[in-house]
Amino acid sequence: MKANQDEILCWYNYAEGFEKKVKDIMDNDKKVKDQQARTQVYNFIIPHLPGITKENLRKKTQRARNIHKLFKRIGVKKIKRVVTYSADTISKLTSIQIQSIIDRFTNSTLTRMAKAELTKELPF
């Protein structure tokens, strides 16, 4: 359980750092497009990972980005509540599945907030 949570958090942090580096490159040179910035980051990382191909790194990064997309929206603290799913399982979710989970969490949170607000207004 804890190992799964730690792995999910590691991939989340990797994707967070990756996206920050891409943004930094684009901010420093307005002519650089998103894909060019990503290629630059891959080219920087690849020499530090012997035996990993650029394609393999791209796939791992995409999976990490799926984890990041989910937990950035529902809250990174929710990683501690993951019990049954591995980082690999979460990373393979489709965009539609990720959005469905985000919607469920968002709707659940909004419902709880609305109920709390309603009970504050009741006189009893």
N, C-alpha and C. Protein backbone atom coordinates (compact mmCIF):
# COMPACT_ATOMS: atom_id res chain seq x y z
N MET A 1 0.83 -1.19 0.00
CA MET A 1 0.00 0.00 0.00
C MET A 1 0.87 1.26 0.00
N LYS A 2 1.70 1.41 1.02
CA LYS A 2 2.58 2.58 1.12
C LYS A 2 3.52 2.66 -0.07
N ALA A 3 4.01 1.50 -0.52
CA ALA A 3 4.92 1.48 -1.67
C ALA A 3 4.21 2.01 -2.91
N ASN A 4 2.93 1.62 -3.10
CA ASN A 4 2.15 2.13 -4.24
C ASN A 4 2.00 3.65 -4.14
N GLN A 5 1.69 4.13 -2.95
CA GLN A 5 1.51 5.57 -2.76
C GLN A 5 2.81 6.32 -3.03
N ASP A 6 3.93 5.75 -2.55
CA ASP A 6 5.23 6.39 -2.77
C ASP A 6 5.57 6.43 -4.26
N GLU A 7 5.27 5.34 -4.97
CA GLU A 7 5.56 5.30 -6.40
C GLU A 7 4.69 6.31 -7.16
N ILE A 8 3.42 6.37 -6.80
CA ILE A 8 2.51 7.34 -7.43
C ILE A 8 3.02 8.76 -7.20
N LEU A 9 3.44 9.04 -5.96
CA LEU A 9 3.95 10.37 -5.64
C LEU A 9 5.23 10.68 -6.41
N CYS A 10 6.10 9.68 -6.57
CA CYS A 10 7.33 9.88 -7.35
C CYS A 10 7.02 10.25 -8.80
N TRP A 11 6.08 9.52 -9.41
CA TRP A 11 5.72 9.81 -10.80
C TRP A 11 5.03 11.17 -10.90
N TYR A 12 4.22 11.50 -9.90
CA TYR A 12 3.56 12.82 -9.87
C TYR A 12 4.63 13.92 -9.86
N ASN A 13 5.62 13.76 -8.97
CA ASN A 13 6.68 14.76 -8.85
C ASN A 13 7.54 14.84 -10.11
N TYR A 14 7.80 13.70 -10.74
CA TYR A 14 8.55 13.70 -11.99
C TYR A 14 7.80 14.52 -13.05
N ALA A 15 6.50 14.24 -13.20
CA ALA A 15 5.70 14.96 -14.20
C ALA A 15 5.62 16.45 -13.88
N GLU A 16 5.50 16.77 -12.61
CA GLU A 16 5.47 18.18 -12.19
C GLU A 16 6.77 18.88 -12.60
N GLY A 17 7.90 18.24 -12.33
CA GLY A 17 9.19 18.81 -12.70
C GLY A 17 9.37 18.90 -14.21
N PHE A 18 8.92 17.87 -14.91
CA PHE A 18 9.01 17.85 -16.37
C PHE A 18 8.23 19.01 -16.96
N GLU A 19 6.99 19.17 -16.52
CA GLU A 19 6.14 20.25 -17.05
C GLU A 19 6.71 21.62 -16.70
N LYS A 20 7.29 21.75 -15.51
CA LYS A 20 7.90 23.02 -15.11
C LYS A 20 9.08 23.34 -16.02
N LYS A 21 9.89 22.35 -16.32
CA LYS A 21 11.05 22.56 -17.20
C LYS A 21 10.59 22.97 -18.61
N VAL A 22 9.56 22.30 -19.12
CA VAL A 22 9.01 22.65 -20.44
C VAL A 22 8.54 24.11 -20.43
N LYS A 23 7.81 24.49 -19.39
CA LYS A 23 7.31 25.86 -19.28
C LYS A 23 8.46 26.85 -19.20
N ASP A 24 9.48 26.53 -18.41
CA ASP A 24 10.65 27.42 -18.28
C ASP A 24 11.32 27.66 -19.63
N ILE A 25 11.49 26.59 -20.40
CA ILE A 25 12.11 26.71 -21.72
C ILE A 25 11.28 27.62 -22.62
N MET A 26 9.98 27.41 -22.61
CA MET A 26 9.10 28.23 -23.46
C MET A 26 9.04 29.68 -22.99
N ASP A 27 9.10 29.90 -21.68
CA ASP A 27 9.10 31.26 -21.14
C ASP A 27 10.39 32.01 -21.49
N ASN A 28 11.50 31.27 -21.52
CA ASN A 28 12.80 31.89 -21.80
C ASN A 28 13.02 32.17 -23.28
N ASP A 29 12.32 31.43 -24.12
CA ASP A 29 12.45 31.64 -25.57
C ASP A 29 11.07 31.49 -26.19
N LYS A 30 10.44 32.61 -26.45
CA LYS A 30 9.05 32.62 -26.94
C LYS A 30 8.90 31.94 -28.30
N LYS A 31 9.99 31.73 -29.02
CA LYS A 31 9.93 31.08 -30.33
C LYS A 31 9.80 29.57 -30.21
N VAL A 32 10.17 29.03 -29.05
CA VAL A 32 10.15 27.58 -28.85
C VAL A 32 8.71 27.14 -28.57
N LYS A 33 8.24 26.20 -29.36
CA LYS A 33 6.90 25.65 -29.19
C LYS A 33 6.94 24.50 -28.18
N ASP A 34 5.77 24.06 -27.75
CA ASP A 34 5.64 23.02 -26.73
C ASP A 34 6.43 21.76 -27.10
N GLN A 35 6.23 21.25 -28.30
CA GLN A 35 6.89 20.00 -28.69
C GLN A 35 8.40 20.15 -28.72
N GLN A 36 8.88 21.31 -29.17
CA GLN A 36 10.32 21.55 -29.19
C GLN A 36 10.88 21.58 -27.77
N ALA A 37 10.16 22.20 -26.87
CA ALA A 37 10.60 22.26 -25.47
C ALA A 37 10.64 20.86 -24.86
N ARG A 38 9.63 20.05 -25.16
CA ARG A 38 9.60 18.67 -24.65
C ARG A 38 10.80 17.88 -25.18
N THR A 39 11.10 18.05 -26.44
CA THR A 39 12.25 17.36 -27.04
C THR A 39 13.53 17.79 -26.34
N GLN A 40 13.66 19.07 -26.04
CA GLN A 40 14.85 19.55 -25.33
C GLN A 40 14.97 18.90 -23.95
N VAL A 41 13.85 18.78 -23.25
CA VAL A 41 13.88 18.15 -21.92
C VAL A 41 14.25 16.68 -22.05
N TYR A 42 13.64 15.97 -23.01
CA TYR A 42 14.01 14.56 -23.24
C TYR A 42 15.50 14.44 -23.54
N ASN A 43 16.02 15.32 -24.38
CA ASN A 43 17.44 15.28 -24.74
C ASN A 43 18.34 15.54 -23.54
N PHE A 44 17.86 16.33 -22.60
CA PHE A 44 18.62 16.58 -21.38
C PHE A 44 18.60 15.35 -20.46
N ILE A 45 17.45 14.69 -20.36
CA ILE A 45 17.29 13.57 -19.43
C ILE A 45 17.97 12.30 -19.94
N ILE A 46 17.84 12.00 -21.21
CA ILE A 46 18.23 10.71 -21.78
C ILE A 46 19.68 10.29 -21.47
N PRO A 47 20.68 11.19 -21.48
CA PRO A 47 22.04 10.76 -21.17
C PRO A 47 22.21 10.26 -19.72
N HIS A 48 21.29 10.66 -18.85
CA HIS A 48 21.36 10.27 -17.44
C HIS A 48 20.69 8.92 -17.17
N LEU A 49 20.08 8.35 -18.19
CA LEU A 49 19.37 7.07 -18.04
C LEU A 49 19.89 6.06 -19.05
N PRO A 50 21.03 5.45 -18.77
CA PRO A 50 21.58 4.48 -19.73
C PRO A 50 20.61 3.32 -19.95
N GLY A 51 20.49 2.92 -21.19
CA GLY A 51 19.62 1.79 -21.52
C GLY A 51 18.17 2.18 -21.79
N ILE A 52 17.84 3.45 -21.61
CA ILE A 52 16.47 3.91 -21.86
C ILE A 52 16.46 4.65 -23.19
N THR A 53 15.56 4.24 -24.06
CA THR A 53 15.44 4.94 -25.35
C THR A 53 14.57 6.18 -25.18
N LYS A 54 14.68 7.09 -26.13
CA LYS A 54 13.87 8.30 -26.08
C LYS A 54 12.38 7.95 -26.15
N GLU A 55 12.05 6.95 -26.96
CA GLU A 55 10.64 6.53 -27.08
C GLU A 55 10.13 5.96 -25.75
N ASN A 56 10.96 5.16 -25.09
CA ASN A 56 10.58 4.60 -23.80
C ASN A 56 10.40 5.71 -22.76
N LEU A 57 11.30 6.68 -22.78
CA LEU A 57 11.19 7.82 -21.86
C LEU A 57 9.92 8.62 -22.15
N ARG A 58 9.61 8.80 -23.41
CA ARG A 58 8.39 9.54 -23.79
C ARG A 58 7.15 8.84 -23.25
N LYS A 59 7.11 7.49 -23.37
CA LYS A 59 5.95 6.73 -22.87
C LYS A 59 5.85 6.82 -21.35
N LYS A 60 6.98 6.70 -20.67
CA LYS A 60 6.97 6.80 -19.21
C LYS A 60 6.52 8.19 -18.77
N THR A 61 6.98 9.19 -19.50
CA THR A 61 6.60 10.57 -19.18
C THR A 61 5.11 10.77 -19.41
N GLN A 62 4.57 10.22 -20.48
CA GLN A 62 3.13 10.34 -20.74
C GLN A 62 2.32 9.69 -19.62
N ARG A 63 2.77 8.54 -19.17
CA ARG A 63 2.07 7.88 -18.06
C ARG A 63 2.16 8.71 -16.79
N ALA A 64 3.33 9.28 -16.54
CA ALA A 64 3.50 10.15 -15.37
C ALA A 64 2.58 11.36 -15.48
N ARG A 65 2.43 11.89 -16.68
CA ARG A 65 1.56 13.04 -16.89
C ARG A 65 0.10 12.69 -16.60
N ASN A 66 -0.30 11.44 -16.88
CA ASN A 66 -1.66 11.01 -16.54
C ASN A 66 -1.86 11.04 -15.02
N ILE A 67 -0.88 10.53 -14.29
CA ILE A 67 -0.95 10.56 -12.83
C ILE A 67 -1.03 12.01 -12.35
N HIS A 68 -0.18 12.84 -12.92
CA HIS A 68 -0.14 14.25 -12.54
C HIS A 68 -1.46 14.95 -12.84
N LYS A 69 -2.00 14.69 -14.02
CA LYS A 69 -3.27 15.33 -14.42
C LYS A 69 -4.37 14.99 -13.42
N LEU A 70 -4.45 13.74 -13.01
CA LEU A 70 -5.48 13.31 -12.08
C LEU A 70 -5.31 13.96 -10.71
N PHE A 71 -4.13 13.80 -10.12
CA PHE A 71 -3.95 14.25 -8.74
C PHE A 71 -3.77 15.76 -8.61
N LYS A 72 -3.38 16.42 -9.68
CA LYS A 72 -3.32 17.88 -9.64
C LYS A 72 -4.73 18.44 -9.51
N ARG A 73 -5.69 17.77 -10.13
CA ARG A 73 -7.08 18.25 -10.11
C ARG A 73 -7.84 17.83 -8.85
N ILE A 74 -7.61 16.60 -8.37
CA ILE A 74 -8.37 16.14 -7.19
C ILE A 74 -7.60 16.37 -5.89
N GLY A 75 -6.32 16.70 -6.00
CA GLY A 75 -5.52 16.98 -4.82
C GLY A 75 -4.44 15.94 -4.61
N VAL A 76 -3.22 16.41 -4.48
CA VAL A 76 -2.08 15.50 -4.31
C VAL A 76 -2.20 14.72 -2.99
N LYS A 77 -2.89 15.28 -2.01
CA LYS A 77 -3.08 14.58 -0.73
C LYS A 77 -3.91 13.31 -0.89
N LYS A 78 -4.69 13.25 -1.96
CA LYS A 78 -5.52 12.06 -2.20
C LYS A 78 -4.66 10.83 -2.51
N ILE A 79 -3.41 11.03 -2.88
CA ILE A 79 -2.52 9.89 -3.15
C ILE A 79 -2.44 9.00 -1.92
N LYS A 80 -2.46 9.61 -0.74
CA LYS A 80 -2.38 8.84 0.51
C LYS A 80 -3.60 7.95 0.71
N ARG A 81 -4.68 8.22 -0.01
CA ARG A 81 -5.90 7.42 0.12
C ARG A 81 -5.97 6.28 -0.90
N VAL A 82 -4.98 6.21 -1.80
CA VAL A 82 -4.96 5.14 -2.81
C VAL A 82 -4.54 3.85 -2.12
N VAL A 83 -5.40 2.84 -2.19
CA VAL A 83 -5.11 1.57 -1.53
C VAL A 83 -4.99 0.44 -2.54
N THR A 84 -5.91 0.37 -3.47
CA THR A 84 -5.98 -0.78 -4.36
C THR A 84 -5.26 -0.64 -5.68
N TYR A 85 -5.01 0.55 -6.12
CA TYR A 85 -4.47 0.74 -7.47
C TYR A 85 -2.98 1.06 -7.45
N SER A 86 -2.28 0.53 -8.43
CA SER A 86 -0.85 0.80 -8.57
C SER A 86 -0.64 2.03 -9.44
N ALA A 87 0.57 2.55 -9.41
CA ALA A 87 0.92 3.67 -10.28
C ALA A 87 0.72 3.27 -11.74
N ASP A 88 1.08 2.03 -12.06
CA ASP A 88 0.95 1.55 -13.44
C ASP A 88 -0.51 1.55 -13.88
N THR A 89 -1.40 1.08 -13.02
CA THR A 89 -2.83 1.05 -13.35
C THR A 89 -3.36 2.47 -13.56
N ILE A 90 -3.03 3.37 -12.67
CA ILE A 90 -3.50 4.75 -12.78
C ILE A 90 -2.92 5.41 -14.03
N SER A 91 -1.66 5.14 -14.30
CA SER A 91 -1.00 5.78 -15.45
C SER A 91 -1.59 5.36 -16.78
N LYS A 92 -2.25 4.20 -16.81
CA LYS A 92 -2.83 3.69 -18.06
C LYS A 92 -4.28 4.12 -18.27
N LEU A 93 -4.82 4.92 -17.35
CA LEU A 93 -6.19 5.41 -17.53
C LEU A 93 -6.25 6.31 -18.76
N THR A 94 -7.37 6.25 -19.45
CA THR A 94 -7.56 7.13 -20.60
C THR A 94 -7.94 8.53 -20.11
N SER A 95 -7.88 9.49 -20.99
CA SER A 95 -8.27 10.86 -20.65
C SER A 95 -9.72 10.92 -20.19
N ILE A 96 -10.57 10.13 -20.83
CA ILE A 96 -11.99 10.09 -20.46
C ILE A 96 -12.16 9.53 -19.05
N GLN A 97 -11.42 8.46 -18.73
CA GLN A 97 -11.50 7.87 -17.39
C GLN A 97 -10.99 8.85 -16.34
N ILE A 98 -9.90 9.53 -16.64
CA ILE A 98 -9.35 10.52 -15.70
C ILE A 98 -10.36 11.64 -15.48
N GLN A 99 -10.96 12.14 -16.55
CA GLN A 99 -11.94 13.22 -16.42
C GLN A 99 -13.15 12.76 -15.62
N SER A 100 -13.57 11.52 -15.80
CA SER A 100 -14.70 10.98 -15.05
C SER A 100 -14.40 10.96 -13.54
N ILE A 101 -13.19 10.56 -13.18
CA ILE A 101 -12.79 10.54 -11.77
C ILE A 101 -12.75 11.97 -11.23
N ILE A 102 -12.17 12.88 -11.99
CA ILE A 102 -12.10 14.28 -11.58
C ILE A 102 -13.51 14.83 -11.37
N ASP A 103 -14.41 14.54 -12.30
CA ASP A 103 -15.80 15.01 -12.18
C ASP A 103 -16.46 14.46 -10.93
N ARG A 104 -16.24 13.18 -10.64
CA ARG A 104 -16.84 12.58 -9.44
C ARG A 104 -16.33 13.26 -8.18
N PHE A 105 -15.03 13.50 -8.11
CA PHE A 105 -14.47 14.17 -6.94
C PHE A 105 -14.96 15.60 -6.85
N THR A 106 -15.01 16.30 -7.96
CA THR A 106 -15.46 17.69 -7.97
C THR A 106 -16.91 17.78 -7.55
N ASN A 107 -17.76 16.93 -8.12
CA ASN A 107 -19.18 16.93 -7.78
C ASN A 107 -19.39 16.57 -6.32
N SER A 108 -18.64 15.60 -5.82
CA SER A 108 -18.74 15.19 -4.43
C SER A 108 -18.34 16.34 -3.51
N THR A 109 -17.27 17.02 -3.84
CA THR A 109 -16.80 18.15 -3.04
C THR A 109 -17.82 19.29 -3.07
N LEU A 110 -18.35 19.59 -4.26
CA LEU A 110 -19.34 20.66 -4.37
C LEU A 110 -20.60 20.32 -3.58
N THR A 111 -21.01 19.05 -3.60
CA THR A 111 -22.19 18.63 -2.86
C THR A 111 -21.96 18.81 -1.36
N ARG A 112 -20.78 18.39 -0.87
CA ARG A 112 -20.48 18.55 0.56
C ARG A 112 -20.44 20.03 0.94
N MET A 113 -19.86 20.86 0.08
CA MET A 113 -19.79 22.30 0.36
C MET A 113 -21.18 22.91 0.39
N ALA A 114 -22.03 22.51 -0.54
CA ALA A 114 -23.39 23.04 -0.60
C ALA A 114 -24.18 22.63 0.65
N LYS A 115 -24.03 21.37 1.07
CA LYS A 115 -24.72 20.90 2.28
C LYS A 115 -24.23 21.66 3.50
N ALA A 116 -22.94 21.88 3.60
CA ALA A 116 -22.39 22.62 4.73
C ALA A 116 -22.92 24.05 4.75
N GLU A 117 -23.00 24.67 3.59
CA GLU A 117 -23.51 26.03 3.47
C GLU A 117 -24.98 26.08 3.85
N LEU A 118 -25.74 25.09 3.40
CA LEU A 118 -27.17 25.03 3.69
C LEU A 118 -27.41 24.88 5.18
N THR A 119 -26.66 23.99 5.83
CA THR A 119 -26.88 23.77 7.26
C THR A 119 -26.47 24.98 8.09
N LYS A 120 -25.54 25.79 7.60
CA LYS A 120 -25.15 27.01 8.31
C LYS A 120 -26.31 28.00 8.32
N GLU A 121 -27.11 27.98 7.27
CA GLU A 121 -28.18 28.96 7.14
C GLU A 121 -29.45 28.55 7.89
N LEU A 122 -29.56 27.29 8.24
CA LEU A 122 -30.76 26.83 8.94
C LEU A 122 -30.74 27.33 10.39
N PRO A 123 -31.87 27.77 10.91
CA PRO A 123 -31.90 28.36 12.25
C PRO A 123 -31.84 27.34 13.38
N PHE A 124 -31.87 26.05 13.10
CA PHE A 124 -31.87 25.07 14.19
C PHE A 124 -30.68 24.22 14.22
